[in-house]
Amino acid sequence: MAMKCAPNAKAVVFDAYGTLFDVNSAVMRHAGAIGPQASAFAALWRQKQLEYSWVLSLARRFADFWTLTQQSLDYAFASFPHVDRGLRPALLAAYRRLDPYPEVPQVLGRLRQAGLVTAILSNGDPAMLADAIASAGIGQVLTQVFSVSAVATFKTDPRAYAQVLAPLKVNTSEMAFISSNRWDVAGATAYGFPSIWVNRAGAPDEYADLSPILVIRSLAELN
């Protein structure tokens, strides 16, 4: 059974962080201890995590995403000196077990039942992804998990996207790539993937010359 929004798709490949897993959930579990700026703290942690990945890629260097996650958390602590640094181990542990968005298990199960390959392509390193998938209980509805660690560069480097094609036995037109990150959608589209943007926050569009084939507010809207 084909997806109406991507009728040629044989494989549906998801970004992980922000798309399947709520990146803010680690901080929100400890929001009371962090204080009224918990949301701003979470946003800065995420911003720096991504920024570090882009800087390293442009410099043709690489460090695993767990290292960047720790470094960006330390920057957030430095920027919010009132937040207790004693929370660091708890926040890092929570990041290994991020909450999936509520619709994720059902959507992945429905796609698998429809005969589609379901996979993850993530900046996360394999151990991070394994922990998140196990915690969310979605391993049985995923065909394969790809990490940029295999090619030692981060998205949006074309090599990050290229690695999925041969193992999944598809070409670019037989893909549907799904991400909540507009920059990731732009990178996948530039590589040649038909891409879907999960715009959960109702953010304004950008990268007008690298548009998705569909914009949705929740994965539950996939059909």
C-alpha atoms as a PDB file:
ATOM      1  CA  MET A   1       0.000   0.000   0.000  1.00  0.00           C
ATOM      2  CA  ALA A   2       1.480   3.375  -1.033  1.00  0.00           C
ATOM      3  CA  MET A   3       1.421   6.614   0.884  1.00  0.00           C
ATOM      4  CA  LYS A   4      -0.918   9.077  -0.776  1.00  0.00           C
ATOM      5  CA  CYS A   5       1.498  11.927  -0.146  1.00  0.00           C
ATOM      6  CA  ALA A   6       4.451   9.958  -1.610  1.00  0.00           C
ATOM      7  CA  PRO A   7       2.957   7.303  -3.893  1.00  0.00           C
ATOM      8  CA  ASN A   8       6.339   6.048  -5.135  1.00  0.00           C
ATOM      9  CA  ALA A   9       7.755   5.538  -1.663  1.00  0.00           C
ATOM     10  CA  LYS A  10       8.915   2.091  -0.658  1.00  0.00           C
ATOM     11  CA  ALA A  11      10.788   3.337   2.403  1.00  0.00           C
ATOM     12  CA  VAL A  12       9.881   5.985   4.964  1.00  0.00           C
ATOM     13  CA  VAL A  13      12.917   7.348   6.776  1.00  0.00           C
ATOM     14  CA  PHE A  14      12.510   9.483   9.885  1.00  0.00           C
ATOM     15  CA  ASP A  15      14.788  11.895  11.638  1.00  0.00           C
ATOM     16  CA  ALA A  16      14.865  11.001  15.340  1.00  0.00           C
ATOM     17  CA  TYR A  17      15.391  14.015  17.599  1.00  0.00           C
ATOM     18  CA  GLY A  18      12.477  16.418  17.438  1.00  0.00           C
ATOM     19  CA  THR A  19      10.639  14.193  14.967  1.00  0.00           C
ATOM     20  CA  LEU A  20      10.084  10.909  16.808  1.00  0.00           C
ATOM     21  CA  PHE A  21      11.476  11.974  20.191  1.00  0.00           C
ATOM     22  CA  ASP A  22      10.660  15.161  22.084  1.00  0.00           C
ATOM     23  CA  VAL A  23      14.038  16.807  22.691  1.00  0.00           C
ATOM     24  CA  ASN A  24      12.560  19.080  25.356  1.00  0.00           C
ATOM     25  CA  SER A  25      11.255  16.223  27.481  1.00  0.00           C
ATOM     26  CA  ALA A  26      14.578  15.712  29.294  1.00  0.00           C
ATOM     27  CA  VAL A  27      14.498  19.236  30.704  1.00  0.00           C
ATOM     28  CA  MET A  28      10.757  19.216  31.297  1.00  0.00           C
ATOM     29  CA  ARG A  29      11.105  16.237  33.641  1.00  0.00           C
ATOM     30  CA  HIS A  30      13.266  18.445  35.851  1.00  0.00           C
ATOM     31  CA  ALA A  31      11.593  21.785  35.162  1.00  0.00           C
ATOM     32  CA  GLY A  32      10.718  22.307  38.815  1.00  0.00           C
ATOM     33  CA  ALA A  33      14.352  22.035  39.847  1.00  0.00           C
ATOM     34  CA  ILE A  34      15.586  24.173  36.966  1.00  0.00           C
ATOM     35  CA  GLY A  35      13.128  26.986  37.566  1.00  0.00           C
ATOM     36  CA  PRO A  36      11.104  29.407  35.439  1.00  0.00           C
ATOM     37  CA  GLN A  37      13.661  29.510  32.638  1.00  0.00           C
ATOM     38  CA  ALA A  38      13.473  25.769  31.982  1.00  0.00           C
ATOM     39  CA  SER A  39      12.101  26.241  28.460  1.00  0.00           C
ATOM     40  CA  ALA A  40      14.847  28.726  27.564  1.00  0.00           C
ATOM     41  CA  PHE A  41      17.439  26.366  29.049  1.00  0.00           C
ATOM     42  CA  ALA A  42      16.115  23.497  26.902  1.00  0.00           C
ATOM     43  CA  ALA A  43      16.086  25.653  23.773  1.00  0.00           C
ATOM     44  CA  LEU A  44      19.698  26.754  24.257  1.00  0.00           C
ATOM     45  CA  TRP A  45      20.856  23.193  24.923  1.00  0.00           C
ATOM     46  CA  ARG A  46      19.293  22.097  21.635  1.00  0.00           C
ATOM     47  CA  GLN A  47      20.536  25.147  19.716  1.00  0.00           C
ATOM     48  CA  LYS A  48      24.138  24.579  20.728  1.00  0.00           C
ATOM     49  CA  GLN A  49      23.934  20.827  20.145  1.00  0.00           C
ATOM     50  CA  LEU A  50      23.010  21.476  16.508  1.00  0.00           C
ATOM     51  CA  GLU A  51      25.379  24.420  16.098  1.00  0.00           C
ATOM     52  CA  TYR A  52      28.319  22.305  17.198  1.00  0.00           C
ATOM     53  CA  SER A  53      27.411  19.618  14.654  1.00  0.00           C
ATOM     54  CA  TRP A  54      27.312  22.147  11.814  1.00  0.00           C
ATOM     55  CA  VAL A  55      30.601  23.804  12.812  1.00  0.00           C
ATOM     56  CA  LEU A  56      32.397  20.452  12.956  1.00  0.00           C
ATOM     57  CA  SER A  57      30.996  19.368   9.600  1.00  0.00           C
ATOM     58  CA  LEU A  58      32.098  22.590   7.918  1.00  0.00           C
ATOM     59  CA  ALA A  59      35.534  22.207   9.496  1.00  0.00           C
ATOM     60  CA  ARG A  60      35.654  18.586   8.270  1.00  0.00           C
ATOM     61  CA  ARG A  61      35.907  17.298  11.797  1.00  0.00           C
ATOM     62  CA  PHE A  62      33.727  14.894  13.733  1.00  0.00           C
ATOM     63  CA  ALA A  63      32.816  14.030  17.299  1.00  0.00           C
ATOM     64  CA  ASP A  64      30.047  11.694  18.332  1.00  0.00           C
ATOM     65  CA  PHE A  65      26.689  13.284  19.054  1.00  0.00           C
ATOM     66  CA  TRP A  66      26.760  12.229  22.697  1.00  0.00           C
ATOM     67  CA  THR A  67      29.907  14.308  23.187  1.00  0.00           C
ATOM     68  CA  LEU A  68      28.194  17.293  21.574  1.00  0.00           C
ATOM     69  CA  THR A  69      25.125  16.731  23.743  1.00  0.00           C
ATOM     70  CA  GLN A  70      27.283  16.938  26.865  1.00  0.00           C
ATOM     71  CA  GLN A  71      29.240  19.963  25.643  1.00  0.00           C
ATOM     72  CA  SER A  72      26.094  21.857  24.715  1.00  0.00           C
ATOM     73  CA  LEU A  73      24.543  21.078  28.104  1.00  0.00           C
ATOM     74  CA  ASP A  74      27.634  22.499  29.788  1.00  0.00           C
ATOM     75  CA  TYR A  75      27.229  25.667  27.721  1.00  0.00           C
ATOM     76  CA  ALA A  76      23.608  25.922  28.846  1.00  0.00           C
ATOM     77  CA  PHE A  77      24.690  25.614  32.484  1.00  0.00           C
ATOM     78  CA  ALA A  78      27.285  28.347  31.935  1.00  0.00           C
ATOM     79  CA  SER A  79      24.628  30.581  30.387  1.00  0.00           C
ATOM     80  CA  PHE A  80      22.160  29.969  33.233  1.00  0.00           C
ATOM     81  CA  PRO A  81      24.431  30.082  36.297  1.00  0.00           C
ATOM     82  CA  HIS A  82      21.499  29.893  38.699  1.00  0.00           C
ATOM     83  CA  VAL A  83      20.638  26.377  37.488  1.00  0.00           C
ATOM     84  CA  ASP A  84      22.082  23.701  39.760  1.00  0.00           C
ATOM     85  CA  ARG A  85      24.923  21.884  37.958  1.00  0.00           C
ATOM     86  CA  GLY A  86      24.147  18.931  40.167  1.00  0.00           C
ATOM     87  CA  LEU A  87      21.305  18.236  37.741  1.00  0.00           C
ATOM     88  CA  ARG A  88      23.773  17.379  34.966  1.00  0.00           C
ATOM     89  CA  PRO A  89      23.764  13.560  35.446  1.00  0.00           C
ATOM     90  CA  ALA A  90      19.969  13.462  35.699  1.00  0.00           C
ATOM     91  CA  LEU A  91      19.508  15.586  32.567  1.00  0.00           C
ATOM     92  CA  LEU A  92      21.934  13.469  30.559  1.00  0.00           C
ATOM     93  CA  ALA A  93      20.251  10.283  31.737  1.00  0.00           C
ATOM     94  CA  ALA A  94      16.874  11.740  30.741  1.00  0.00           C
ATOM     95  CA  TYR A  95      18.225  12.587  27.281  1.00  0.00           C
ATOM     96  CA  ARG A  96      18.982   8.899  26.751  1.00  0.00           C
ATOM     97  CA  ARG A  97      15.284   8.166  27.391  1.00  0.00           C
ATOM     98  CA  LEU A  98      13.465  10.988  25.635  1.00  0.00           C
ATOM     99  CA  ASP A  99       9.684  10.763  25.409  1.00  0.00           C
ATOM    100  CA  PRO A 100       8.358   9.761  21.990  1.00  0.00           C
ATOM    101  CA  TYR A 101       5.575  11.918  20.619  1.00  0.00           C
ATOM    102  CA  PRO A 102       2.273  10.196  21.467  1.00  0.00           C
ATOM    103  CA  GLU A 103       1.372   9.226  17.911  1.00  0.00           C
ATOM    104  CA  VAL A 104       4.739   7.673  17.040  1.00  0.00           C
ATOM    105  CA  PRO A 105       4.163   3.956  17.871  1.00  0.00           C
ATOM    106  CA  GLN A 106       0.824   3.846  16.071  1.00  0.00           C
ATOM    107  CA  VAL A 107       2.089   5.686  12.988  1.00  0.00           C
ATOM    108  CA  LEU A 108       5.150   3.470  12.620  1.00  0.00           C
ATOM    109  CA  GLY A 109       3.036   0.363  13.113  1.00  0.00           C
ATOM    110  CA  ARG A 110       0.552   1.503  10.488  1.00  0.00           C
ATOM    111  CA  LEU A 111       3.310   2.141   7.947  1.00  0.00           C
ATOM    112  CA  ARG A 112       4.826  -1.279   8.550  1.00  0.00           C
ATOM    113  CA  GLN A 113       1.424  -2.942   8.201  1.00  0.00           C
ATOM    114  CA  ALA A 114       1.066  -1.138   4.876  1.00  0.00           C
ATOM    115  CA  GLY A 115       4.197  -2.916   3.666  1.00  0.00           C
ATOM    116  CA  LEU A 116       6.552   0.057   3.847  1.00  0.00           C
ATOM    117  CA  VAL A 117      10.097  -0.035   5.172  1.00  0.00           C
ATOM    118  CA  THR A 118      10.480   2.222   8.206  1.00  0.00           C
ATOM    119  CA  ALA A 119      13.882   3.518   9.278  1.00  0.00           C
ATOM    120  CA  ILE A 120      15.646   6.224  11.260  1.00  0.00           C
ATOM    121  CA  LEU A 121      18.437   8.435   9.944  1.00  0.00           C
ATOM    122  CA  SER A 122      19.843  10.498  12.783  1.00  0.00           C
ATOM    123  CA  ASN A 123      22.763  12.591  13.951  1.00  0.00           C
ATOM    124  CA  GLY A 124      22.584  10.524  17.139  1.00  0.00           C
ATOM    125  CA  ASP A 125      25.256   7.930  17.705  1.00  0.00           C
ATOM    126  CA  PRO A 126      24.185   4.263  17.726  1.00  0.00           C
ATOM    127  CA  ALA A 127      24.179   3.867  21.513  1.00  0.00           C
ATOM    128  CA  MET A 128      22.052   6.990  22.010  1.00  0.00           C
ATOM    129  CA  LEU A 129      19.565   5.808  19.420  1.00  0.00           C
ATOM    130  CA  ALA A 130      19.422   2.303  20.851  1.00  0.00           C
ATOM    131  CA  ASP A 131      18.574   3.698  24.284  1.00  0.00           C
ATOM    132  CA  ALA A 132      15.890   6.034  22.953  1.00  0.00           C
ATOM    133  CA  ILE A 133      14.289   3.345  20.797  1.00  0.00           C
ATOM    134  CA  ALA A 134      14.271   0.826  23.637  1.00  0.00           C
ATOM    135  CA  SER A 135      12.813   3.351  26.073  1.00  0.00           C
ATOM    136  CA  ALA A 136      10.076   4.258  23.584  1.00  0.00           C
ATOM    137  CA  GLY A 137       9.346   0.601  22.798  1.00  0.00           C
ATOM    138  CA  ILE A 138       9.383   1.103  19.028  1.00  0.00           C
ATOM    139  CA  GLY A 139      12.144  -1.263  17.966  1.00  0.00           C
ATOM    140  CA  GLN A 140       9.695  -3.807  16.575  1.00  0.00           C
ATOM    141  CA  VAL A 141       8.198  -1.282  14.133  1.00  0.00           C
ATOM    142  CA  LEU A 142      11.534  -0.126  12.711  1.00  0.00           C
ATOM    143  CA  THR A 143      13.296  -1.928   9.888  1.00  0.00           C
ATOM    144  CA  GLN A 144      16.675  -0.274  10.252  1.00  0.00           C
ATOM    145  CA  VAL A 145      18.469   2.511  12.117  1.00  0.00           C
ATOM    146  CA  PHE A 146      21.139   4.669  10.493  1.00  0.00           C
ATOM    147  CA  SER A 147      23.531   6.971  12.329  1.00  0.00           C
ATOM    148  CA  VAL A 148      25.775   9.605  10.788  1.00  0.00           C
ATOM    149  CA  SER A 149      28.558   8.017  12.843  1.00  0.00           C
ATOM    150  CA  ALA A 150      28.931   5.535   9.996  1.00  0.00           C
ATOM    151  CA  VAL A 151      30.104   8.303   7.658  1.00  0.00           C
ATOM    152  CA  ALA A 152      31.691  10.599  10.304  1.00  0.00           C
ATOM    153  CA  THR A 153      29.812  13.734   9.322  1.00  0.00           C
ATOM    154  CA  PHE A 154      26.519  15.324  10.294  1.00  0.00           C
ATOM    155  CA  LYS A 155      23.434  16.255   8.353  1.00  0.00           C
ATOM    156  CA  THR A 156      23.139  18.178   6.046  1.00  0.00           C
ATOM    157  CA  ASP A 157      26.266  16.682   4.431  1.00  0.00           C
ATOM    158  CA  PRO A 158      25.062  14.634   1.424  1.00  0.00           C
ATOM    159  CA  ARG A 159      27.025  11.635   2.688  1.00  0.00           C
ATOM    160  CA  ALA A 160      24.739  11.435   5.695  1.00  0.00           C
ATOM    161  CA  TYR A 161      21.689  10.953   3.474  1.00  0.00           C
ATOM    162  CA  ALA A 162      23.373   8.781   0.842  1.00  0.00           C
ATOM    163  CA  GLN A 163      24.128   5.961   3.275  1.00  0.00           C
ATOM    164  CA  VAL A 164      20.523   4.745   3.473  1.00  0.00           C
ATOM    165  CA  LEU A 165      19.947   3.956  -0.214  1.00  0.00           C
ATOM    166  CA  ALA A 166      21.906   0.753  -0.768  1.00  0.00           C
ATOM    167  CA  PRO A 167      20.904  -0.972   2.499  1.00  0.00           C
ATOM    168  CA  LEU A 168      17.225  -0.136   1.945  1.00  0.00           C
ATOM    169  CA  LYS A 169      17.458  -1.106  -1.758  1.00  0.00           C
ATOM    170  CA  VAL A 170      15.747   2.069  -2.935  1.00  0.00           C
ATOM    171  CA  ASN A 171      16.615   5.043  -5.089  1.00  0.00           C
ATOM    172  CA  THR A 172      15.943   8.641  -4.123  1.00  0.00           C
ATOM    173  CA  SER A 173      12.507   8.745  -5.764  1.00  0.00           C
ATOM    174  CA  GLU A 174      11.409   5.689  -3.742  1.00  0.00           C
ATOM    175  CA  MET A 175      12.059   7.461  -0.457  1.00  0.00           C
ATOM    176  CA  ALA A 176       9.983   9.596   1.848  1.00  0.00           C
ATOM    177  CA  PHE A 177      12.158  11.469   4.324  1.00  0.00           C
ATOM    178  CA  ILE A 178      10.417  13.000   7.336  1.00  0.00           C
ATOM    179  CA  SER A 179      11.832  15.543   9.765  1.00  0.00           C
ATOM    180  CA  SER A 180      10.622  18.236  12.121  1.00  0.00           C
ATOM    181  CA  ASN A 181      13.789  20.226  11.407  1.00  0.00           C
ATOM    182  CA  ARG A 182      13.357  22.520   8.403  1.00  0.00           C
ATOM    183  CA  TRP A 183      17.118  22.626   7.798  1.00  0.00           C
ATOM    184  CA  ASP A 184      17.121  18.807   7.671  1.00  0.00           C
ATOM    185  CA  VAL A 185      14.258  18.814   5.186  1.00  0.00           C
ATOM    186  CA  ALA A 186      16.249  21.268   3.073  1.00  0.00           C
ATOM    187  CA  GLY A 187      19.320  19.031   3.179  1.00  0.00           C
ATOM    188  CA  ALA A 188      17.368  15.899   2.285  1.00  0.00           C
ATOM    189  CA  THR A 189      15.557  17.710  -0.520  1.00  0.00           C
ATOM    190  CA  ALA A 190      18.861  19.005  -1.894  1.00  0.00           C
ATOM    191  CA  TYR A 191      20.108  15.416  -1.949  1.00  0.00           C
ATOM    192  CA  GLY A 192      17.031  14.344  -3.907  1.00  0.00           C
ATOM    193  CA  PHE A 193      14.694  12.847  -1.311  1.00  0.00           C
ATOM    194  CA  PRO A 194      10.981  13.672  -1.422  1.00  0.00           C
ATOM    195  CA  SER A 195      10.717  15.179   2.048  1.00  0.00           C
ATOM    196  CA  ILE A 196       7.957  15.941   4.524  1.00  0.00           C
ATOM    197  CA  TRP A 197       8.233  18.654   7.165  1.00  0.00           C
ATOM    198  CA  VAL A 198       6.566  18.052  10.529  1.00  0.00           C
ATOM    199  CA  ASN A 199       6.030  21.680  11.528  1.00  0.00           C
ATOM    200  CA  ARG A 200       4.804  21.064  15.058  1.00  0.00           C
ATOM    201  CA  ALA A 201       5.310  24.658  16.197  1.00  0.00           C
ATOM    202  CA  GLY A 202       3.787  26.378  13.180  1.00  0.00           C
ATOM    203  CA  ALA A 203       7.120  28.014  12.323  1.00  0.00           C
ATOM    204  CA  PRO A 204       7.444  30.192   9.213  1.00  0.00           C
ATOM    205  CA  ASP A 205       8.824  28.506   6.137  1.00  0.00           C
ATOM    206  CA  GLU A 206      12.358  29.039   4.871  1.00  0.00           C
ATOM    207  CA  TYR A 207      14.712  27.592   2.232  1.00  0.00           C
ATOM    208  CA  ALA A 208      12.151  28.399  -0.447  1.00  0.00           C
ATOM    209  CA  ASP A 209      14.156  26.669  -3.185  1.00  0.00           C
ATOM    210  CA  LEU A 210      14.295  23.431  -1.156  1.00  0.00           C
ATOM    211  CA  SER A 211      10.633  22.895  -0.369  1.00  0.00           C
ATOM    212  CA  PRO A 212       9.073  19.761   1.126  1.00  0.00           C
ATOM    213  CA  ILE A 213       6.414  17.837  -0.749  1.00  0.00           C
ATOM    214  CA  LEU A 214       4.123  18.144   2.264  1.00  0.00           C
ATOM    215  CA  VAL A 215       3.899  20.092   5.512  1.00  0.00           C
ATOM    216  CA  ILE A 216       2.070  18.528   8.470  1.00  0.00           C
ATOM    217  CA  ARG A 217       1.610  19.478  12.129  1.00  0.00           C
ATOM    218  CA  SER A 218       1.777  15.912  13.476  1.00  0.00           C
ATOM    219  CA  LEU A 219       2.917  12.505  12.246  1.00  0.00           C
ATOM    220  CA  ALA A 220      -0.693  11.407  12.740  1.00  0.00           C
ATOM    221  CA  GLU A 221      -1.482  13.315   9.528  1.00  0.00           C
ATOM    222  CA  LEU A 222       0.628  10.950   7.390  1.00  0.00           C
ATOM    223  CA  ASN A 223      -1.420   8.965   4.909  1.00  0.00           C
END
